[in-house]
Amino acid sequence: MVPHDPPPARVDAGRVAITFVGHSTFLIRTASAVILTDPVFTSHAGPFGRVGPRRVRRPALAPESLPPIDVVLVSHNHYDHLQPSSLRMFRRRAVFVAPLGLARLIRSGQHATIELDWWQQAAAGPATITCVPAQHFSARTPWDRNRTLWCGFVVQVDGITVYFAGDSGYSPHFAEIGARFPSIDVAMLPIGAYEPRWFMKPAHMNPEEAVRAHQDLNPRVSIAMHYGTFPLTDEGIDAPMHALETARAAAGVPPERFRALDFGDTAVF
């Protein structure tokens, strides 16, 4: 882990600061909102956070170092995206937004969880959040497959539009999201957990497909996620970063248009 400056305590209107905490966890700050995506601070991506794939990199920001969180986005119920012990850290203040069926699992306590179907929209504090499709699945056990929904989110706040993809295979839904939201400023796209392709292709993009999704969405900039934290599949833990560089070059996408932030690094757009 390379040390980085802490995230800014404030940003001006029309700007957004995005800090990569690890895997699919980002801290997002705008002028009036602080948002956390898929917070997982446990040592393992499995039941109770103590079994399953073990972290190879610790969270770049400790939970106690985070500013007060206004909104927590939960994209689906897989253990590397939803750990109740991590969510409980933010239940006293944050509004939780999740796809259909997750409120009972989140059990946010003081604040109710807003459940959304695809293309439904809700206000969460100063932000307008739209639940958007993803090509994935849900399961916590062998017996509850697809009992709850999975999704991505488009967040509109303070003149900024941010798209958080959650987990997804490549499909035409990226072009549809781009058509419905033609002014995305920042897209956070998964690039890891993709091998072997015969098995993982429907649920997880590889970096080449992530670059295609970036082109379909046409954001000002994309940021890579879902890599380098938990060894979930057969590719090397840092292979997605190298494959992203190759895929960008092959598609003619400049490095500044699709970035991989260092763990703990903050970019202000």
C-alpha atoms as a PDB file:
ATOM      1  CA  MET A   1       0.000   0.000   0.000  1.00  0.00           C
ATOM      2  CA  VAL A   2       1.368   3.377  -1.052  1.00  0.00           C
ATOM      3  CA  PRO A   3       0.417   6.274   1.238  1.00  0.00           C
ATOM      4  CA  HIS A   4      -1.845   8.918  -0.272  1.00  0.00           C
ATOM      5  CA  ASP A   5      -3.228  12.202   0.948  1.00  0.00           C
ATOM      6  CA  PRO A   6      -6.580  11.833   2.723  1.00  0.00           C
ATOM      7  CA  PRO A   7      -9.720  12.579   0.709  1.00  0.00           C
ATOM      8  CA  PRO A   8     -10.630  16.285   0.590  1.00  0.00           C
ATOM      9  CA  ALA A   9     -12.906  17.552   3.333  1.00  0.00           C
ATOM     10  CA  ARG A  10     -14.966  19.486   0.784  1.00  0.00           C
ATOM     11  CA  VAL A  11     -15.289  20.098  -2.938  1.00  0.00           C
ATOM     12  CA  ASP A  12     -16.840  22.961  -4.861  1.00  0.00           C
ATOM     13  CA  ALA A  13     -20.154  22.688  -6.672  1.00  0.00           C
ATOM     14  CA  GLY A  14     -19.733  21.035 -10.041  1.00  0.00           C
ATOM     15  CA  ARG A  15     -16.862  18.857  -8.821  1.00  0.00           C
ATOM     16  CA  VAL A  16     -16.696  15.315  -7.480  1.00  0.00           C
ATOM     17  CA  ALA A  17     -13.916  13.633  -5.489  1.00  0.00           C
ATOM     18  CA  ILE A  18     -13.706   9.849  -5.836  1.00  0.00           C
ATOM     19  CA  THR A  19     -11.462   7.744  -3.587  1.00  0.00           C
ATOM     20  CA  PHE A  20     -10.765   4.071  -4.319  1.00  0.00           C
ATOM     21  CA  VAL A  21     -10.996   2.179  -1.017  1.00  0.00           C
ATOM     22  CA  GLY A  22     -10.685  -1.265  -2.627  1.00  0.00           C
ATOM     23  CA  HIS A  23     -12.606  -3.798  -4.725  1.00  0.00           C
ATOM     24  CA  SER A  24     -15.991  -2.087  -5.342  1.00  0.00           C
ATOM     25  CA  THR A  25     -15.858   0.339  -2.410  1.00  0.00           C
ATOM     26  CA  PHE A  26     -15.540   4.015  -3.335  1.00  0.00           C
ATOM     27  CA  LEU A  27     -15.924   7.155  -1.270  1.00  0.00           C
ATOM     28  CA  ILE A  28     -17.674   9.802  -3.381  1.00  0.00           C
ATOM     29  CA  ARG A  29     -17.879  13.428  -2.246  1.00  0.00           C
ATOM     30  CA  THR A  30     -19.744  16.267  -3.920  1.00  0.00           C
ATOM     31  CA  ALA A  31     -20.520  19.742  -2.619  1.00  0.00           C
ATOM     32  CA  SER A  32     -23.492  18.511  -0.565  1.00  0.00           C
ATOM     33  CA  ALA A  33     -23.270  14.709  -0.329  1.00  0.00           C
ATOM     34  CA  VAL A  34     -20.910  11.940   0.805  1.00  0.00           C
ATOM     35  CA  ILE A  35     -21.677   8.557  -0.734  1.00  0.00           C
ATOM     36  CA  LEU A  36     -20.176   5.098  -0.130  1.00  0.00           C
ATOM     37  CA  THR A  37     -20.526   2.212  -2.598  1.00  0.00           C
ATOM     38  CA  ASP A  38     -20.699  -1.490  -1.670  1.00  0.00           C
ATOM     39  CA  PRO A  39     -18.778  -1.055   1.605  1.00  0.00           C
ATOM     40  CA  VAL A  40     -16.847  -4.200   2.529  1.00  0.00           C
ATOM     41  CA  PHE A  41     -14.189  -3.798   5.227  1.00  0.00           C
ATOM     42  CA  THR A  42     -13.975  -7.444   6.331  1.00  0.00           C
ATOM     43  CA  SER A  43     -10.884  -9.631   5.957  1.00  0.00           C
ATOM     44  CA  HIS A  44     -12.741 -12.235   3.880  1.00  0.00           C
ATOM     45  CA  ALA A  45     -15.424 -12.122   1.191  1.00  0.00           C
ATOM     46  CA  GLY A  46     -17.619 -14.795   2.715  1.00  0.00           C
ATOM     47  CA  PRO A  47     -20.100 -15.508   5.514  1.00  0.00           C
ATOM     48  CA  PHE A  48     -19.536 -13.364   8.612  1.00  0.00           C
ATOM     49  CA  GLY A  49     -16.537 -11.794   6.874  1.00  0.00           C
ATOM     50  CA  ARG A  50     -14.284 -14.509   8.324  1.00  0.00           C
ATOM     51  CA  VAL A  51     -14.366 -17.267   5.693  1.00  0.00           C
ATOM     52  CA  GLY A  52     -14.094 -17.320   1.929  1.00  0.00           C
ATOM     53  CA  PRO A  53     -11.577 -15.459  -0.273  1.00  0.00           C
ATOM     54  CA  ARG A  54      -9.127 -13.513   1.884  1.00  0.00           C
ATOM     55  CA  ARG A  55      -8.084  -9.932   1.195  1.00  0.00           C
ATOM     56  CA  VAL A  56      -4.665  -9.426  -0.344  1.00  0.00           C
ATOM     57  CA  ARG A  57      -4.861  -5.653   0.248  1.00  0.00           C
ATOM     58  CA  ARG A  58      -6.405  -4.068   3.314  1.00  0.00           C
ATOM     59  CA  PRO A  59      -9.028  -1.314   2.848  1.00  0.00           C
ATOM     60  CA  ALA A  60      -7.186   1.829   1.828  1.00  0.00           C
ATOM     61  CA  LEU A  61      -9.288   3.874   4.263  1.00  0.00           C
ATOM     62  CA  ALA A  62     -10.220   2.615   7.709  1.00  0.00           C
ATOM     63  CA  PRO A  63     -13.948   2.953   8.484  1.00  0.00           C
ATOM     64  CA  GLU A  64     -13.233   5.194  11.469  1.00  0.00           C
ATOM     65  CA  SER A  65     -11.335   7.619   9.219  1.00  0.00           C
ATOM     66  CA  LEU A  66     -14.293   8.195   6.910  1.00  0.00           C
ATOM     67  CA  PRO A  67     -16.376  11.355   7.058  1.00  0.00           C
ATOM     68  CA  PRO A  68     -20.069  11.089   7.997  1.00  0.00           C
ATOM     69  CA  ILE A  69     -21.748   9.133   5.190  1.00  0.00           C
ATOM     70  CA  ASP A  70     -25.032  10.417   3.774  1.00  0.00           C
ATOM     71  CA  VAL A  71     -25.869   7.591   1.336  1.00  0.00           C
ATOM     72  CA  VAL A  72     -24.748   3.963   1.072  1.00  0.00           C
ATOM     73  CA  LEU A  73     -25.325   2.183  -2.243  1.00  0.00           C
ATOM     74  CA  VAL A  74     -25.580  -1.640  -2.189  1.00  0.00           C
ATOM     75  CA  SER A  75     -25.647  -3.204  -5.655  1.00  0.00           C
ATOM     76  CA  HIS A  76     -26.419  -6.861  -4.804  1.00  0.00           C
ATOM     77  CA  ASN A  77     -26.085  -9.511  -2.132  1.00  0.00           C
ATOM     78  CA  HIS A  78     -22.801 -11.290  -2.966  1.00  0.00           C
ATOM     79  CA  TYR A  79     -20.417 -11.410  -0.031  1.00  0.00           C
ATOM     80  CA  ASP A  80     -17.761  -9.279  -1.715  1.00  0.00           C
ATOM     81  CA  HIS A  81     -20.364  -6.486  -2.026  1.00  0.00           C
ATOM     82  CA  LEU A  82     -22.588  -6.881   1.029  1.00  0.00           C
ATOM     83  CA  GLN A  83     -21.268  -7.541   4.531  1.00  0.00           C
ATOM     84  CA  PRO A  84     -23.793  -6.656   7.267  1.00  0.00           C
ATOM     85  CA  SER A  85     -21.001  -5.947   9.769  1.00  0.00           C
ATOM     86  CA  SER A  86     -19.603  -3.295   7.409  1.00  0.00           C
ATOM     87  CA  LEU A  87     -23.021  -1.785   6.754  1.00  0.00           C
ATOM     88  CA  ARG A  88     -23.774  -1.469  10.465  1.00  0.00           C
ATOM     89  CA  MET A  89     -20.943   1.040  10.802  1.00  0.00           C
ATOM     90  CA  PHE A  90     -23.019   3.611   8.895  1.00  0.00           C
ATOM     91  CA  ARG A  91     -26.580   2.860   9.975  1.00  0.00           C
ATOM     92  CA  ARG A  92     -26.983   5.766  12.405  1.00  0.00           C
ATOM     93  CA  ARG A  93     -26.729   8.431   9.731  1.00  0.00           C
ATOM     94  CA  ALA A  94     -26.748   7.045   6.196  1.00  0.00           C
ATOM     95  CA  VAL A  95     -29.687   6.343   3.910  1.00  0.00           C
ATOM     96  CA  PHE A  96     -29.276   2.946   2.250  1.00  0.00           C
ATOM     97  CA  VAL A  97     -30.318   2.383  -1.367  1.00  0.00           C
ATOM     98  CA  ALA A  98     -30.487  -1.154  -2.768  1.00  0.00           C
ATOM     99  CA  PRO A  99     -32.300  -3.266  -5.365  1.00  0.00           C
ATOM    100  CA  LEU A 100     -35.486  -5.181  -4.582  1.00  0.00           C
ATOM    101  CA  GLY A 101     -35.376  -7.699  -1.765  1.00  0.00           C
ATOM    102  CA  LEU A 102     -32.305  -6.523   0.176  1.00  0.00           C
ATOM    103  CA  ALA A 103     -33.875  -4.429   2.950  1.00  0.00           C
ATOM    104  CA  ARG A 104     -34.269  -7.390   5.328  1.00  0.00           C
ATOM    105  CA  LEU A 105     -30.647  -8.394   4.859  1.00  0.00           C
ATOM    106  CA  ILE A 106     -29.282  -4.870   5.208  1.00  0.00           C
ATOM    107  CA  ARG A 107     -31.338  -4.119   8.348  1.00  0.00           C
ATOM    108  CA  SER A 108     -30.040  -0.590   8.417  1.00  0.00           C
ATOM    109  CA  GLY A 109     -31.705   0.234  11.730  1.00  0.00           C
ATOM    110  CA  GLN A 110     -32.284   3.919  12.251  1.00  0.00           C
ATOM    111  CA  HIS A 111     -32.889   4.663   8.564  1.00  0.00           C
ATOM    112  CA  ALA A 112     -35.118   2.639   6.276  1.00  0.00           C
ATOM    113  CA  THR A 113     -33.585   1.092   3.179  1.00  0.00           C
ATOM    114  CA  ILE A 114     -34.912   2.389  -0.123  1.00  0.00           C
ATOM    115  CA  GLU A 115     -35.511  -0.578  -2.419  1.00  0.00           C
ATOM    116  CA  LEU A 116     -35.679   0.071  -6.153  1.00  0.00           C
ATOM    117  CA  ASP A 117     -36.513  -1.899  -9.271  1.00  0.00           C
ATOM    118  CA  TRP A 118     -34.610  -1.303 -12.513  1.00  0.00           C
ATOM    119  CA  TRP A 119     -35.227   2.213 -13.847  1.00  0.00           C
ATOM    120  CA  GLN A 120     -36.937   3.326 -10.651  1.00  0.00           C
ATOM    121  CA  GLN A 121     -35.725   6.568  -9.147  1.00  0.00           C
ATOM    122  CA  ALA A 122     -35.682   7.966  -5.603  1.00  0.00           C
ATOM    123  CA  ALA A 123     -34.335  10.905  -3.637  1.00  0.00           C
ATOM    124  CA  ALA A 124     -31.720  10.106  -0.986  1.00  0.00           C
ATOM    125  CA  GLY A 125     -30.735  13.294   0.773  1.00  0.00           C
ATOM    126  CA  PRO A 126     -29.681  15.800  -1.893  1.00  0.00           C
ATOM    127  CA  ALA A 127     -29.073  13.063  -4.499  1.00  0.00           C
ATOM    128  CA  THR A 128     -31.404  11.578  -7.078  1.00  0.00           C
ATOM    129  CA  ILE A 129     -30.573   7.914  -7.532  1.00  0.00           C
ATOM    130  CA  THR A 130     -31.738   5.700 -10.388  1.00  0.00           C
ATOM    131  CA  CYS A 131     -31.483   1.919 -10.165  1.00  0.00           C
ATOM    132  CA  VAL A 132     -30.242   0.642 -13.544  1.00  0.00           C
ATOM    133  CA  PRO A 133     -29.901  -2.859 -15.028  1.00  0.00           C
ATOM    134  CA  ALA A 134     -26.902  -5.144 -14.745  1.00  0.00           C
ATOM    135  CA  GLN A 135     -26.283  -8.591 -16.212  1.00  0.00           C
ATOM    136  CA  HIS A 136     -25.512 -10.613 -13.106  1.00  0.00           C
ATOM    137  CA  PHE A 137     -27.216 -12.794 -10.466  1.00  0.00           C
ATOM    138  CA  SER A 138     -27.729 -12.955  -6.712  1.00  0.00           C
ATOM    139  CA  ALA A 139     -27.140 -15.624  -4.058  1.00  0.00           C
ATOM    140  CA  ARG A 140     -25.999 -15.892  -0.452  1.00  0.00           C
ATOM    141  CA  THR A 141     -26.487 -19.664  -0.192  1.00  0.00           C
ATOM    142  CA  PRO A 142     -27.021 -22.553  -2.621  1.00  0.00           C
ATOM    143  CA  TRP A 143     -30.778 -22.257  -2.001  1.00  0.00           C
ATOM    144  CA  ASP A 144     -31.575 -18.574  -2.645  1.00  0.00           C
ATOM    145  CA  ARG A 145     -30.268 -17.924  -6.132  1.00  0.00           C
ATOM    146  CA  ASN A 146     -31.933 -14.904  -7.780  1.00  0.00           C
ATOM    147  CA  ARG A 147     -34.374 -14.336  -4.921  1.00  0.00           C
ATOM    148  CA  THR A 148     -33.238 -10.688  -4.777  1.00  0.00           C
ATOM    149  CA  LEU A 149     -32.394  -8.208  -7.516  1.00  0.00           C
ATOM    150  CA  TRP A 150     -28.979  -6.876  -8.600  1.00  0.00           C
ATOM    151  CA  CYS A 151     -28.265  -3.534 -10.225  1.00  0.00           C
ATOM    152  CA  GLY A 152     -26.074  -0.531 -10.887  1.00  0.00           C
ATOM    153  CA  PHE A 153     -26.842   3.051  -9.893  1.00  0.00           C
ATOM    154  CA  VAL A 154     -26.835   6.438 -11.576  1.00  0.00           C
ATOM    155  CA  VAL A 155     -26.390   9.238  -9.039  1.00  0.00           C
ATOM    156  CA  GLN A 156     -27.251  12.834  -9.928  1.00  0.00           C
ATOM    157  CA  VAL A 157     -26.262  15.468  -7.381  1.00  0.00           C
ATOM    158  CA  ASP A 158     -24.826  18.999  -7.422  1.00  0.00           C
ATOM    159  CA  GLY A 159     -24.671  19.080 -11.210  1.00  0.00           C
ATOM    160  CA  ILE A 160     -22.671  15.818 -11.338  1.00  0.00           C
ATOM    161  CA  THR A 161     -23.765  12.471 -12.827  1.00  0.00           C
ATOM    162  CA  VAL A 162     -21.952   9.367 -11.580  1.00  0.00           C
ATOM    163  CA  TYR A 163     -22.599   5.788 -12.710  1.00  0.00           C
ATOM    164  CA  PHE A 164     -21.664   2.882 -10.432  1.00  0.00           C
ATOM    165  CA  ALA A 165     -22.026  -0.381 -12.365  1.00  0.00           C
ATOM    166  CA  GLY A 166     -21.924  -2.906  -9.520  1.00  0.00           C
ATOM    167  CA  ASP A 167     -21.147  -6.333 -11.008  1.00  0.00           C
ATOM    168  CA  SER A 168     -22.072  -7.081 -14.605  1.00  0.00           C
ATOM    169  CA  GLY A 169     -21.311  -9.032 -17.706  1.00  0.00           C
ATOM    170  CA  TYR A 170     -21.202  -7.130 -20.969  1.00  0.00           C
ATOM    171  CA  SER A 171     -24.581  -6.628 -22.659  1.00  0.00           C
ATOM    172  CA  PRO A 172     -26.645  -3.968 -24.507  1.00  0.00           C
ATOM    173  CA  HIS A 173     -27.786  -2.451 -21.208  1.00  0.00           C
ATOM    174  CA  PHE A 174     -24.677  -0.258 -21.154  1.00  0.00           C
ATOM    175  CA  ALA A 175     -25.728   1.421 -24.398  1.00  0.00           C
ATOM    176  CA  GLU A 176     -29.257   1.877 -23.023  1.00  0.00           C
ATOM    177  CA  ILE A 177     -27.925   3.498 -19.852  1.00  0.00           C
ATOM    178  CA  GLY A 178     -25.741   5.762 -21.956  1.00  0.00           C
ATOM    179  CA  ALA A 179     -28.729   6.749 -24.095  1.00  0.00           C
ATOM    180  CA  ARG A 180     -30.914   7.534 -21.073  1.00  0.00           C
ATOM    181  CA  PHE A 181     -28.101   9.400 -19.306  1.00  0.00           C
ATOM    182  CA  PRO A 182     -26.113  11.068 -22.097  1.00  0.00           C
ATOM    183  CA  SER A 183     -24.039  13.270 -19.775  1.00  0.00           C
ATOM    184  CA  ILE A 184     -22.326  10.832 -17.393  1.00  0.00           C
ATOM    185  CA  ASP A 185     -19.320  12.505 -15.829  1.00  0.00           C
ATOM    186  CA  VAL A 186     -17.719   9.487 -14.135  1.00  0.00           C
ATOM    187  CA  ALA A 187     -18.439   5.766 -14.642  1.00  0.00           C
ATOM    188  CA  MET A 188     -17.084   3.122 -12.258  1.00  0.00           C
ATOM    189  CA  LEU A 189     -16.736  -0.136 -14.181  1.00  0.00           C
ATOM    190  CA  PRO A 190     -15.653  -3.625 -13.028  1.00  0.00           C
ATOM    191  CA  ILE A 191     -12.639  -5.162 -14.770  1.00  0.00           C
ATOM    192  CA  GLY A 192     -11.834  -8.258 -12.668  1.00  0.00           C
ATOM    193  CA  ALA A 193     -13.022 -11.770 -11.739  1.00  0.00           C
ATOM    194  CA  TYR A 194     -13.328 -12.903 -15.362  1.00  0.00           C
ATOM    195  CA  GLU A 195     -11.480 -16.227 -15.785  1.00  0.00           C
ATOM    196  CA  PRO A 196     -12.299 -18.828 -17.021  1.00  0.00           C
ATOM    197  CA  ARG A 197     -14.342 -17.055 -19.680  1.00  0.00           C
ATOM    198  CA  TRP A 198     -16.580 -20.036 -20.473  1.00  0.00           C
ATOM    199  CA  PHE A 199     -17.913 -19.784 -16.928  1.00  0.00           C
ATOM    200  CA  MET A 200     -17.531 -16.121 -15.914  1.00  0.00           C
ATOM    201  CA  LYS A 201     -18.466 -14.298 -19.137  1.00  0.00           C
ATOM    202  CA  PRO A 202     -22.233 -13.952 -18.408  1.00  0.00           C
ATOM    203  CA  ALA A 203     -21.615 -12.365 -14.981  1.00  0.00           C
ATOM    204  CA  HIS A 204     -18.281 -10.512 -15.124  1.00  0.00           C
ATOM    205  CA  MET A 205     -16.669  -8.387 -17.829  1.00  0.00           C
ATOM    206  CA  ASN A 206     -13.015  -8.745 -18.673  1.00  0.00           C
ATOM    207  CA  PRO A 207     -11.043  -5.523 -19.313  1.00  0.00           C
ATOM    208  CA  GLU A 208     -11.654  -5.653 -23.072  1.00  0.00           C
ATOM    209  CA  GLU A 209     -15.423  -5.797 -22.487  1.00  0.00           C
ATOM    210  CA  ALA A 210     -15.158  -3.064 -19.854  1.00  0.00           C
ATOM    211  CA  VAL A 211     -13.577  -0.809 -22.486  1.00  0.00           C
ATOM    212  CA  ARG A 212     -16.500  -1.607 -24.797  1.00  0.00           C
ATOM    213  CA  ALA A 213     -18.912  -0.696 -21.997  1.00  0.00           C
ATOM    214  CA  HIS A 214     -17.007   2.575 -21.546  1.00  0.00           C
ATOM    215  CA  GLN A 215     -17.469   3.322 -25.235  1.00  0.00           C
ATOM    216  CA  ASP A 216     -21.198   2.484 -25.032  1.00  0.00           C
ATOM    217  CA  LEU A 217     -21.696   4.758 -22.027  1.00  0.00           C
ATOM    218  CA  ASN A 218     -19.451   7.565 -23.318  1.00  0.00           C
ATOM    219  CA  PRO A 219     -18.703   9.140 -19.927  1.00  0.00           C
ATOM    220  CA  ARG A 220     -16.135  11.880 -19.525  1.00  0.00           C
ATOM    221  CA  VAL A 221     -13.984   9.372 -17.634  1.00  0.00           C
ATOM    222  CA  SER A 222     -14.247   5.799 -16.366  1.00  0.00           C
ATOM    223  CA  ILE A 223     -12.593   4.362 -13.259  1.00  0.00           C
ATOM    224  CA  ALA A 224     -11.763   0.675 -12.886  1.00  0.00           C
ATOM    225  CA  MET A 225     -12.973  -1.377  -9.923  1.00  0.00           C
ATOM    226  CA  HIS A 226     -13.541  -4.975  -8.764  1.00  0.00           C
ATOM    227  CA  TYR A 227      -9.922  -6.090  -8.942  1.00  0.00           C
ATOM    228  CA  GLY A 228      -6.762  -6.400  -6.868  1.00  0.00           C
ATOM    229  CA  THR A 229      -8.487  -7.072  -3.529  1.00  0.00           C
ATOM    230  CA  PHE A 230     -10.078 -10.518  -3.253  1.00  0.00           C
ATOM    231  CA  PRO A 231      -8.794 -13.535  -5.273  1.00  0.00           C
ATOM    232  CA  LEU A 232     -12.166 -14.608  -6.637  1.00  0.00           C
ATOM    233  CA  THR A 233     -11.326 -16.309  -9.943  1.00  0.00           C
ATOM    234  CA  ASP A 234      -8.465 -17.792 -11.962  1.00  0.00           C
ATOM    235  CA  GLU A 235      -6.663 -14.720 -13.316  1.00  0.00           C
ATOM    236  CA  GLY A 236      -3.728 -13.263 -11.381  1.00  0.00           C
ATOM    237  CA  ILE A 237      -4.634 -10.684  -8.761  1.00  0.00           C
ATOM    238  CA  ASP A 238      -3.066  -7.804 -10.744  1.00  0.00           C
ATOM    239  CA  ALA A 239      -3.734  -9.220 -14.230  1.00  0.00           C
ATOM    240  CA  PRO A 240      -6.814  -7.002 -14.804  1.00  0.00           C
ATOM    241  CA  MET A 241      -4.729  -3.806 -14.574  1.00  0.00           C
ATOM    242  CA  HIS A 242      -2.290  -5.022 -17.208  1.00  0.00           C
ATOM    243  CA  ALA A 243      -5.110  -6.300 -19.416  1.00  0.00           C
ATOM    244  CA  LEU A 244      -6.881  -2.940 -19.139  1.00  0.00           C
ATOM    245  CA  GLU A 245      -3.795  -1.182 -20.492  1.00  0.00           C
ATOM    246  CA  THR A 246      -3.729  -3.544 -23.486  1.00  0.00           C
ATOM    247  CA  ALA A 247      -7.482  -3.217 -24.092  1.00  0.00           C
ATOM    248  CA  ARG A 248      -7.364   0.590 -23.965  1.00  0.00           C
ATOM    249  CA  ALA A 249      -4.550   0.712 -26.492  1.00  0.00           C
ATOM    250  CA  ALA A 250      -6.316  -1.714 -28.842  1.00  0.00           C
ATOM    251  CA  ALA A 251      -9.520   0.374 -28.751  1.00  0.00           C
ATOM    252  CA  GLY A 252      -7.751   3.727 -29.040  1.00  0.00           C
ATOM    253  CA  VAL A 253      -9.019   4.896 -25.626  1.00  0.00           C
ATOM    254  CA  PRO A 254      -6.564   7.340 -23.991  1.00  0.00           C
ATOM    255  CA  PRO A 255      -5.386   6.363 -20.495  1.00  0.00           C
ATOM    256  CA  GLU A 256      -6.937   9.486 -18.994  1.00  0.00           C
ATOM    257  CA  ARG A 257     -10.387   8.413 -20.248  1.00  0.00           C
ATOM    258  CA  PHE A 258     -10.333   5.039 -18.428  1.00  0.00           C
ATOM    259  CA  ARG A 259      -8.232   5.143 -15.293  1.00  0.00           C
ATOM    260  CA  ALA A 260      -7.209   2.681 -12.617  1.00  0.00           C
ATOM    261  CA  LEU A 261      -6.777   4.590  -9.357  1.00  0.00           C
ATOM    262  CA  ASP A 262      -4.232   3.407  -6.843  1.00  0.00           C
ATOM    263  CA  PHE A 263      -5.661   2.056  -3.593  1.00  0.00           C
ATOM    264  CA  GLY A 264      -6.399   5.061  -1.414  1.00  0.00           C
ATOM    265  CA  ASP A 265      -5.878   7.559  -4.227  1.00  0.00           C
ATOM    266  CA  THR A 266      -8.420  10.321  -4.850  1.00  0.00           C
ATOM    267  CA  ALA A 267      -9.270  11.872  -8.204  1.00  0.00           C
ATOM    268  CA  VAL A 268     -11.198  15.125  -8.417  1.00  0.00           C
ATOM    269  CA  PHE A 269     -13.189  15.710 -11.594  1.00  0.00           C
END
